Amino acid sequence: MMELKITTFDWITAKEKIKRKYNHLSDADLVFEENQEEKLINHLMIKLHRDREYVLFTLAKSLSNIESNRL
């Protein structure tokens, strides 16, 4: 299983990338607290109607090149 570690600093940028791709997600849907990755993953699985692997891939991709504007 993929391990995902998100920092609060990186999440600020990653959240904006995810909001652009999934414009139906609200700020409340993308609330993140450090060390609460599992809570975020589970919530996004429900909101996106996708499995865990897809959500992990999407999050990892948004964090992989944090300076880039692309998801």
Protein backbone atom coordinates (compact mmCIF):
# COMPACT_ATOMS: atom_id res chain seq x y z
CA MET A 1 0.00 0.00 0.00
CA MET A 2 1.22 3.47 -0.85
CA GLU A 3 2.34 5.64 2.05
CA LEU A 4 1.37 9.28 1.73
CA LYS A 5 2.74 12.10 3.87
CA ILE A 6 1.30 15.57 3.38
CA THR A 7 2.62 18.73 4.98
CA THR A 8 0.36 21.67 5.68
CA PHE A 9 2.57 23.87 3.49
CA ASP A 10 2.34 21.52 0.48
CA TRP A 11 -1.39 21.01 1.01
CA ILE A 12 -2.11 24.69 0.33
CA THR A 13 -0.91 24.32 -3.27
CA ALA A 14 -2.11 20.73 -3.80
CA LYS A 15 -5.61 21.69 -2.63
CA GLU A 16 -5.88 24.36 -5.32
CA LYS A 17 -4.81 21.87 -8.01
CA ILE A 18 -7.42 19.37 -6.84
CA LYS A 19 -10.14 22.06 -6.70
CA ARG A 20 -9.42 22.99 -10.32
CA LYS A 21 -9.75 19.38 -11.46
CA TYR A 22 -12.79 18.56 -9.29
CA ASN A 23 -14.67 21.85 -9.19
CA HIS A 24 -17.57 20.29 -7.30
CA LEU A 25 -15.39 19.94 -4.19
CA SER A 26 -15.75 22.69 -1.63
CA ASP A 27 -13.18 24.08 0.79
CA ALA A 28 -14.89 22.06 3.50
CA ASP A 29 -14.30 18.88 1.47
CA LEU A 30 -10.60 19.64 1.32
CA VAL A 31 -9.93 20.46 4.95
CA PHE A 32 -6.68 18.80 6.04
CA GLU A 33 -4.93 18.57 9.37
CA GLU A 34 -1.36 17.33 9.54
CA ASN A 35 -1.08 13.58 10.29
CA GLN A 36 -4.71 13.09 9.26
CA GLU A 37 -4.04 11.77 5.75
CA GLU A 38 -6.28 8.75 6.25
CA LYS A 39 -9.25 10.94 7.13
CA LEU A 40 -8.72 13.02 3.98
CA ILE A 41 -8.35 9.92 1.79
CA ASN A 42 -11.55 8.36 3.12
CA HIS A 43 -13.50 11.58 2.67
CA LEU A 44 -12.29 12.03 -0.91
CA MET A 45 -13.14 8.42 -1.74
CA ILE A 46 -16.75 9.19 -0.84
CA LYS A 47 -16.91 12.61 -2.54
CA LEU A 48 -15.23 11.46 -5.77
CA HIS A 49 -16.93 8.05 -5.88
CA ARG A 50 -13.52 6.46 -6.49
CA ASP A 51 -11.47 3.72 -4.89
CA ARG A 52 -8.55 4.21 -2.54
CA GLU A 53 -5.89 3.66 -5.22
CA TYR A 54 -7.34 6.39 -7.43
CA VAL A 55 -7.49 8.90 -4.57
CA LEU A 56 -3.93 8.07 -3.50
CA PHE A 57 -2.72 8.44 -7.09
CA THR A 58 -4.46 11.80 -7.45
CA LEU A 59 -3.06 13.11 -4.16
CA ALA A 60 0.43 11.85 -4.93
CA LYS A 61 0.32 13.42 -8.38
CA SER A 62 -0.79 16.78 -6.98
CA LEU A 63 2.10 16.68 -4.50
CA SER A 64 4.79 15.27 -6.81
CA ASN A 65 5.78 18.54 -8.46
CA ILE A 66 4.34 21.04 -6.04
CA GLU A 67 5.72 24.09 -7.91
CA SER A 68 4.00 23.07 -11.12
CA ASN A 69 0.52 24.38 -11.81
CA ARG A 70 -0.59 21.09 -13.36
CA LEU A 71 -2.23 18.09 -11.73
